[in-house]
N, C-alpha and C. Protein backbone atom coordinates (compact mmCIF):
# COMPACT_ATOMS: atom_id res chain seq x y z
N MET A 1 -31.24 34.41 -50.86
CA MET A 1 -30.87 33.01 -50.78
C MET A 1 -30.54 32.70 -49.32
N ASP A 2 -31.10 31.61 -48.79
CA ASP A 2 -30.80 31.25 -47.40
C ASP A 2 -29.44 30.57 -47.30
N THR A 3 -28.97 30.37 -46.09
CA THR A 3 -27.62 29.86 -45.86
C THR A 3 -27.43 28.46 -46.42
N LYS A 4 -28.43 27.58 -46.26
CA LYS A 4 -28.30 26.21 -46.80
C LYS A 4 -28.10 26.24 -48.31
N HIS A 5 -28.85 27.10 -49.00
CA HIS A 5 -28.71 27.19 -50.45
C HIS A 5 -27.39 27.85 -50.85
N THR A 6 -26.93 28.81 -50.07
CA THR A 6 -25.64 29.45 -50.34
C THR A 6 -24.51 28.43 -50.22
N ILE A 7 -24.53 27.64 -49.16
CA ILE A 7 -23.51 26.60 -48.99
C ILE A 7 -23.56 25.61 -50.15
N GLY A 8 -24.75 25.17 -50.51
CA GLY A 8 -24.90 24.21 -51.60
C GLY A 8 -24.40 24.77 -52.92
N TRP A 9 -24.74 26.02 -53.19
CA TRP A 9 -24.33 26.68 -54.43
C TRP A 9 -22.80 26.75 -54.50
N ASN A 10 -22.20 27.20 -53.40
CA ASN A 10 -20.74 27.34 -53.36
C ASN A 10 -20.05 25.98 -53.42
N LEU A 11 -20.61 24.99 -52.75
CA LEU A 11 -20.04 23.65 -52.79
C LEU A 11 -20.02 23.13 -54.22
N ARG A 12 -21.13 23.26 -54.92
CA ARG A 12 -21.18 22.78 -56.30
C ARG A 12 -20.22 23.55 -57.18
N SER A 13 -20.17 24.87 -57.04
CA SER A 13 -19.26 25.68 -57.85
C SER A 13 -17.81 25.26 -57.65
N LEU A 14 -17.41 25.12 -56.40
CA LEU A 14 -16.03 24.73 -56.10
C LEU A 14 -15.72 23.32 -56.59
N ARG A 15 -16.67 22.42 -56.41
CA ARG A 15 -16.47 21.03 -56.84
C ARG A 15 -16.30 20.95 -58.35
N VAL A 16 -17.17 21.64 -59.08
CA VAL A 16 -17.09 21.62 -60.55
C VAL A 16 -15.82 22.31 -61.03
N GLU A 17 -15.46 23.42 -60.40
CA GLU A 17 -14.22 24.13 -60.74
C GLU A 17 -13.01 23.21 -60.67
N ARG A 18 -13.03 22.31 -59.70
CA ARG A 18 -11.91 21.41 -59.49
C ARG A 18 -12.06 20.09 -60.25
N GLY A 19 -13.14 19.97 -61.00
CA GLY A 19 -13.34 18.79 -61.83
C GLY A 19 -13.66 17.53 -61.04
N LEU A 20 -14.26 17.70 -59.87
CA LEU A 20 -14.62 16.55 -59.04
C LEU A 20 -16.09 16.19 -59.22
N SER A 21 -16.37 14.92 -59.32
CA SER A 21 -17.76 14.46 -59.32
C SER A 21 -18.26 14.47 -57.88
N GLN A 22 -19.57 14.40 -57.73
CA GLN A 22 -20.14 14.26 -56.38
C GLN A 22 -19.60 13.00 -55.73
N GLU A 23 -19.48 11.95 -56.51
CA GLU A 23 -19.01 10.68 -55.98
C GLU A 23 -17.58 10.79 -55.47
N ARG A 24 -16.70 11.45 -56.23
CA ARG A 24 -15.30 11.61 -55.81
C ARG A 24 -15.20 12.49 -54.56
N LEU A 25 -15.96 13.59 -54.54
CA LEU A 25 -15.97 14.46 -53.36
C LEU A 25 -16.43 13.68 -52.14
N ALA A 26 -17.49 12.93 -52.29
CA ALA A 26 -18.04 12.14 -51.18
C ALA A 26 -17.03 11.12 -50.68
N LEU A 27 -16.40 10.41 -51.61
CA LEU A 27 -15.42 9.39 -51.25
C LEU A 27 -14.26 10.00 -50.47
N GLU A 28 -13.71 11.10 -50.97
CA GLU A 28 -12.56 11.72 -50.33
C GLU A 28 -12.92 12.38 -49.00
N ALA A 29 -14.18 12.82 -48.86
CA ALA A 29 -14.62 13.45 -47.61
C ALA A 29 -15.19 12.44 -46.62
N GLY A 30 -15.37 11.19 -47.05
CA GLY A 30 -15.92 10.17 -46.18
C GLY A 30 -17.40 10.36 -45.91
N ILE A 31 -18.12 10.81 -46.94
CA ILE A 31 -19.55 11.15 -46.83
C ILE A 31 -20.30 10.42 -47.94
N ASP A 32 -21.56 10.10 -47.71
CA ASP A 32 -22.39 9.44 -48.71
C ASP A 32 -22.65 10.36 -49.90
N ARG A 33 -22.58 9.82 -51.13
CA ARG A 33 -22.76 10.62 -52.33
C ARG A 33 -24.12 11.28 -52.40
N SER A 34 -25.15 10.58 -51.99
CA SER A 34 -26.49 11.18 -52.06
C SER A 34 -26.61 12.36 -51.10
N TYR A 35 -25.86 12.32 -50.00
CA TYR A 35 -25.85 13.43 -49.05
C TYR A 35 -25.23 14.66 -49.70
N VAL A 36 -24.16 14.47 -50.47
CA VAL A 36 -23.53 15.59 -51.18
C VAL A 36 -24.56 16.26 -52.10
N GLY A 37 -25.33 15.47 -52.82
CA GLY A 37 -26.36 16.01 -53.71
C GLY A 37 -27.40 16.82 -52.95
N ARG A 38 -27.81 16.30 -51.80
CA ARG A 38 -28.81 17.02 -51.00
C ARG A 38 -28.25 18.33 -50.45
N VAL A 39 -26.97 18.32 -50.06
CA VAL A 39 -26.34 19.55 -49.59
C VAL A 39 -26.28 20.56 -50.73
N GLU A 40 -25.89 20.12 -51.91
CA GLU A 40 -25.80 21.03 -53.06
C GLU A 40 -27.17 21.61 -53.43
N ARG A 41 -28.22 20.89 -53.17
CA ARG A 41 -29.57 21.40 -53.46
C ARG A 41 -30.14 22.22 -52.31
N GLY A 42 -29.38 22.36 -51.22
CA GLY A 42 -29.82 23.15 -50.08
C GLY A 42 -30.87 22.45 -49.24
N GLU A 43 -30.86 21.12 -49.25
CA GLU A 43 -31.86 20.35 -48.52
C GLU A 43 -31.38 19.84 -47.17
N GLU A 44 -30.11 20.07 -46.83
CA GLU A 44 -29.55 19.52 -45.59
C GLU A 44 -28.97 20.62 -44.71
N ASN A 45 -29.09 20.43 -43.40
CA ASN A 45 -28.38 21.26 -42.43
C ASN A 45 -27.04 20.56 -42.19
N VAL A 46 -25.98 21.20 -42.60
CA VAL A 46 -24.66 20.59 -42.59
C VAL A 46 -23.94 20.88 -41.27
N THR A 47 -23.27 19.87 -40.72
CA THR A 47 -22.51 20.07 -39.50
C THR A 47 -21.17 20.75 -39.82
N VAL A 48 -20.57 21.30 -38.79
CA VAL A 48 -19.25 21.93 -38.96
C VAL A 48 -18.23 20.89 -39.41
N ALA A 49 -18.31 19.69 -38.88
CA ALA A 49 -17.38 18.63 -39.26
C ALA A 49 -17.50 18.30 -40.76
N THR A 50 -18.72 18.29 -41.26
CA THR A 50 -18.93 18.02 -42.68
C THR A 50 -18.41 19.17 -43.53
N LEU A 51 -18.66 20.40 -43.10
CA LEU A 51 -18.13 21.55 -43.83
C LEU A 51 -16.60 21.49 -43.88
N GLU A 52 -15.97 21.11 -42.77
CA GLU A 52 -14.51 20.99 -42.74
C GLU A 52 -14.03 19.89 -43.69
N ALA A 53 -14.75 18.78 -43.74
CA ALA A 53 -14.38 17.69 -44.64
C ALA A 53 -14.45 18.15 -46.10
N PHE A 54 -15.55 18.83 -46.46
CA PHE A 54 -15.68 19.36 -47.82
C PHE A 54 -14.55 20.34 -48.13
N ALA A 55 -14.31 21.27 -47.21
CA ALA A 55 -13.28 22.30 -47.42
C ALA A 55 -11.90 21.67 -47.59
N ASN A 56 -11.59 20.65 -46.80
CA ASN A 56 -10.29 19.98 -46.92
C ASN A 56 -10.12 19.35 -48.28
N VAL A 57 -11.13 18.65 -48.76
CA VAL A 57 -11.04 18.01 -50.07
C VAL A 57 -10.91 19.06 -51.17
N LEU A 58 -11.62 20.17 -51.04
CA LEU A 58 -11.61 21.23 -52.06
C LEU A 58 -10.43 22.19 -51.90
N SER A 59 -9.64 22.00 -50.85
CA SER A 59 -8.48 22.86 -50.57
C SER A 59 -8.86 24.33 -50.44
N VAL A 60 -9.92 24.58 -49.67
CA VAL A 60 -10.36 25.95 -49.38
C VAL A 60 -10.61 26.05 -47.88
N ARG A 61 -10.75 27.27 -47.41
CA ARG A 61 -11.17 27.48 -46.02
C ARG A 61 -12.68 27.33 -45.95
N VAL A 62 -13.19 26.93 -44.81
CA VAL A 62 -14.63 26.73 -44.62
C VAL A 62 -15.42 27.98 -45.02
N VAL A 63 -14.86 29.15 -44.75
CA VAL A 63 -15.55 30.41 -45.05
C VAL A 63 -15.89 30.53 -46.54
N ALA A 64 -15.15 29.86 -47.42
CA ALA A 64 -15.43 29.92 -48.86
C ALA A 64 -16.81 29.33 -49.17
N LEU A 65 -17.29 28.42 -48.33
CA LEU A 65 -18.61 27.82 -48.56
C LEU A 65 -19.74 28.77 -48.18
N PHE A 66 -19.41 29.85 -47.47
CA PHE A 66 -20.41 30.83 -47.05
C PHE A 66 -20.36 32.11 -47.89
N ALA A 67 -19.52 32.14 -48.93
CA ALA A 67 -19.37 33.34 -49.75
C ALA A 67 -20.72 33.76 -50.34
N GLU A 68 -20.95 35.06 -50.35
CA GLU A 68 -22.20 35.58 -50.90
C GLU A 68 -22.30 35.25 -52.39
N VAL A 69 -23.47 34.81 -52.81
CA VAL A 69 -23.71 34.44 -54.20
C VAL A 69 -24.36 35.60 -54.93
N ASP A 70 -23.83 35.92 -56.09
CA ASP A 70 -24.42 36.97 -56.92
C ASP A 70 -25.75 36.44 -57.47
N PRO A 71 -26.86 37.10 -57.14
CA PRO A 71 -28.16 36.59 -57.59
C PRO A 71 -28.32 36.58 -59.11
N LYS A 72 -27.48 37.31 -59.82
CA LYS A 72 -27.56 37.36 -61.28
C LYS A 72 -26.77 36.23 -61.95
N SER A 73 -25.91 35.57 -61.17
CA SER A 73 -25.11 34.50 -61.75
C SER A 73 -25.97 33.27 -61.99
N GLY A 74 -25.66 32.56 -63.04
CA GLY A 74 -26.40 31.35 -63.36
C GLY A 74 -25.99 30.20 -62.46
N ARG A 75 -26.83 29.19 -62.42
CA ARG A 75 -26.53 28.00 -61.63
C ARG A 75 -25.23 27.39 -62.15
N PRO A 76 -24.36 26.93 -61.24
CA PRO A 76 -23.10 26.31 -61.68
C PRO A 76 -23.37 25.14 -62.62
N GLU A 77 -22.63 25.09 -63.70
CA GLU A 77 -22.80 24.02 -64.69
C GLU A 77 -22.37 22.68 -64.11
N PRO A 78 -23.04 21.60 -64.49
CA PRO A 78 -22.60 20.28 -64.03
C PRO A 78 -21.37 19.83 -64.81
N LEU A 79 -20.67 18.86 -64.28
CA LEU A 79 -19.57 18.25 -65.02
C LEU A 79 -20.14 17.43 -66.16
N ARG A 80 -19.36 17.26 -67.20
CA ARG A 80 -19.78 16.39 -68.29
C ARG A 80 -19.83 14.96 -67.77
N SER A 81 -20.87 14.24 -68.10
CA SER A 81 -21.00 12.88 -67.58
C SER A 81 -20.08 11.93 -68.33
N GLY A 82 -19.85 10.80 -67.73
CA GLY A 82 -19.01 9.78 -68.35
C GLY A 82 -17.58 9.85 -67.85
N ARG A 83 -16.79 8.94 -68.33
CA ARG A 83 -15.39 8.88 -67.91
C ARG A 83 -14.57 9.94 -68.62
N LYS A 84 -13.49 10.34 -67.95
CA LYS A 84 -12.57 11.28 -68.58
C LYS A 84 -11.80 10.53 -69.65
N PRO A 85 -11.50 11.20 -70.77
CA PRO A 85 -10.74 10.51 -71.83
C PRO A 85 -9.32 10.20 -71.36
N LYS A 86 -8.78 9.08 -71.82
CA LYS A 86 -7.41 8.72 -71.48
C LYS A 86 -6.47 9.61 -72.28
N ASN A 87 -5.33 9.91 -71.69
CA ASN A 87 -4.33 10.75 -72.38
C ASN A 87 -3.77 9.98 -73.57
N ALA A 88 -3.66 10.67 -74.68
CA ALA A 88 -3.08 10.05 -75.88
C ALA A 88 -1.57 9.94 -75.69
N LYS A 89 -1.02 8.83 -76.09
CA LYS A 89 0.43 8.62 -75.95
C LYS A 89 1.13 8.71 -77.26
């Protein structure tokens, strides 16, 4: 797996782990949502500033986005679409 795909894979895994949509990650990082999707698919060369913005929102160090991916692991699952249910009172 090349570096762009490794970053994208790790970005998606961390984002989903934290329950963030691409839209929420983009909004909090000050980046366009479609750009987040392209990064996750390994289609973009990401700047250090963008990596720092992603890492800050995800509360990780930038190095976490470069973590080696186990080739046997499946693609990170997407978040369930739609709005989150409101808490019952």
